[in-house]
Amino acid sequence: MEEELRKVKNWASHGTLRQFYTEVSAKVSGQGYEVELEGDTLTCYRVRKVGGFLGIGAKRVREPVLKVIRKEEEIIIPEDSADEEFVHFLASSLKQH
């Protein structure tokens, strides 16, 4: 997972966090994930529905799977915020165009 985290950090450092947000949003949309940008912190969430009957009355649950923080010119990804499955998915999605 270290190599994949390094790849995500590298992509996040090429430009602004807003640009990275736009790219990540496009990659994960429709895959059961959401991305939120708040100030200098980008947070990715796994979204799932819980309860209800045949989807009726179900609650949406968002659990954080990755946090990327930009502090001046440095990109920080707290280890405890990185879900291995999501990091693998995102790293494999970030390919050169």
Protein backbone atom coordinates (compact mmCIF):
# COMPACT_ATOMS: atom_id res chain seq x y z
CA MET A 1 0.00 0.00 0.00
CA GLU A 2 3.00 2.31 0.52
CA GLU A 3 3.64 2.52 -3.23
CA GLU A 4 -0.02 3.26 -3.94
CA LEU A 5 -0.12 6.00 -1.28
CA ARG A 6 3.00 7.52 -2.82
CA LYS A 7 1.27 7.51 -6.22
CA VAL A 8 -1.80 9.27 -4.79
CA LYS A 9 0.41 11.87 -3.05
CA ASN A 10 2.31 12.44 -6.27
CA TRP A 11 -0.90 13.04 -8.24
CA ALA A 12 -2.23 15.36 -5.53
CA SER A 13 0.96 17.43 -5.62
CA HIS A 14 0.65 18.20 -9.36
CA GLY A 15 -1.47 21.34 -9.18
CA THR A 16 -4.05 22.52 -6.71
CA LEU A 17 -6.16 20.41 -4.40
CA ARG A 18 -9.23 21.61 -6.31
CA GLN A 19 -7.79 20.14 -9.53
CA PHE A 20 -7.11 16.85 -7.74
CA TYR A 21 -10.65 16.94 -6.33
CA THR A 22 -12.07 17.32 -9.85
CA GLU A 23 -10.02 14.42 -11.16
CA VAL A 24 -10.77 12.10 -8.23
CA SER A 25 -14.49 12.94 -8.37
CA ALA A 26 -14.61 11.93 -12.02
CA LYS A 27 -12.80 8.65 -11.29
CA VAL A 28 -14.92 7.53 -8.33
CA SER A 29 -18.36 8.86 -9.27
CA GLY A 30 -20.81 6.01 -9.76
CA GLN A 31 -18.47 3.58 -7.99
CA GLY A 32 -20.01 3.92 -4.52
CA TYR A 33 -17.74 6.77 -3.38
CA GLU A 34 -18.07 10.54 -2.89
CA VAL A 35 -15.42 13.22 -2.60
CA GLU A 36 -15.63 16.40 -0.54
CA LEU A 37 -13.27 19.36 -0.57
CA GLU A 38 -13.25 21.61 2.47
CA GLY A 39 -10.49 24.20 2.62
CA ASP A 40 -7.14 22.40 2.42
CA THR A 41 -8.60 18.95 3.09
CA LEU A 42 -10.00 16.51 0.57
CA THR A 43 -11.97 13.60 2.02
CA CYS A 44 -13.21 10.54 0.15
CA TYR A 45 -16.18 8.58 1.48
CA ARG A 46 -17.60 5.13 0.82
CA VAL A 47 -21.36 5.54 0.50
CA ARG A 48 -23.80 2.75 1.21
CA LYS A 49 -27.43 2.37 2.16
CA VAL A 50 -28.39 0.67 5.39
CA GLY A 51 -31.77 -0.63 6.47
CA GLY A 52 -35.07 -0.06 4.83
CA PHE A 53 -37.11 -2.49 2.76
CA LEU A 54 -36.14 -2.88 -0.89
CA GLY A 55 -34.29 0.41 -0.62
CA ILE A 56 -37.29 2.28 0.75
CA GLY A 57 -36.52 4.12 3.96
CA ALA A 58 -32.83 3.22 3.84
CA LYS A 59 -30.31 5.57 5.42
CA ARG A 60 -27.25 6.74 3.53
CA VAL A 61 -24.08 6.06 5.46
CA ARG A 62 -20.83 7.80 4.50
CA GLU A 63 -17.65 6.38 5.97
CA PRO A 64 -14.33 8.17 5.33
CA VAL A 65 -11.83 6.08 3.35
CA LEU A 66 -9.11 8.64 2.54
CA LYS A 67 -8.08 12.09 3.69
CA VAL A 68 -5.61 14.24 1.74
CA ILE A 69 -4.37 17.43 3.40
CA ARG A 70 -2.37 20.15 1.68
CA LYS A 71 -0.15 22.12 4.07
CA GLU A 72 1.59 24.82 2.04
CA GLU A 73 3.50 22.79 -0.58
CA GLU A 74 3.33 19.45 1.26
CA ILE A 75 0.71 16.73 0.77
CA ILE A 76 -0.15 14.75 3.91
CA ILE A 77 -2.17 11.54 4.02
CA PRO A 78 -2.69 10.38 7.61
CA GLU A 79 -2.08 6.60 7.75
CA ASP A 80 -5.19 5.97 9.85
CA SER A 81 -7.38 7.71 7.25
CA ALA A 82 -6.36 5.48 4.33
CA ASP A 83 -8.58 2.48 3.59
CA GLU A 84 -6.44 -0.09 1.75
CA GLU A 85 -9.19 -1.17 -0.66
CA PHE A 86 -9.99 2.42 -1.67
CA VAL A 87 -6.34 3.45 -2.02
CA HIS A 88 -5.76 0.47 -4.32
CA PHE A 89 -8.85 1.39 -6.38
CA LEU A 90 -7.86 5.07 -6.64
CA ALA A 91 -4.20 4.40 -7.45
CA SER A 92 -5.18 2.05 -10.25
CA SER A 93 -7.59 4.70 -11.59
CA LEU A 94 -4.95 7.43 -11.71
CA LYS A 95 -3.28 6.67 -15.00
CA GLN A 96 -1.57 9.00 -17.39
CA HIS A 97 -3.87 10.41 -20.02
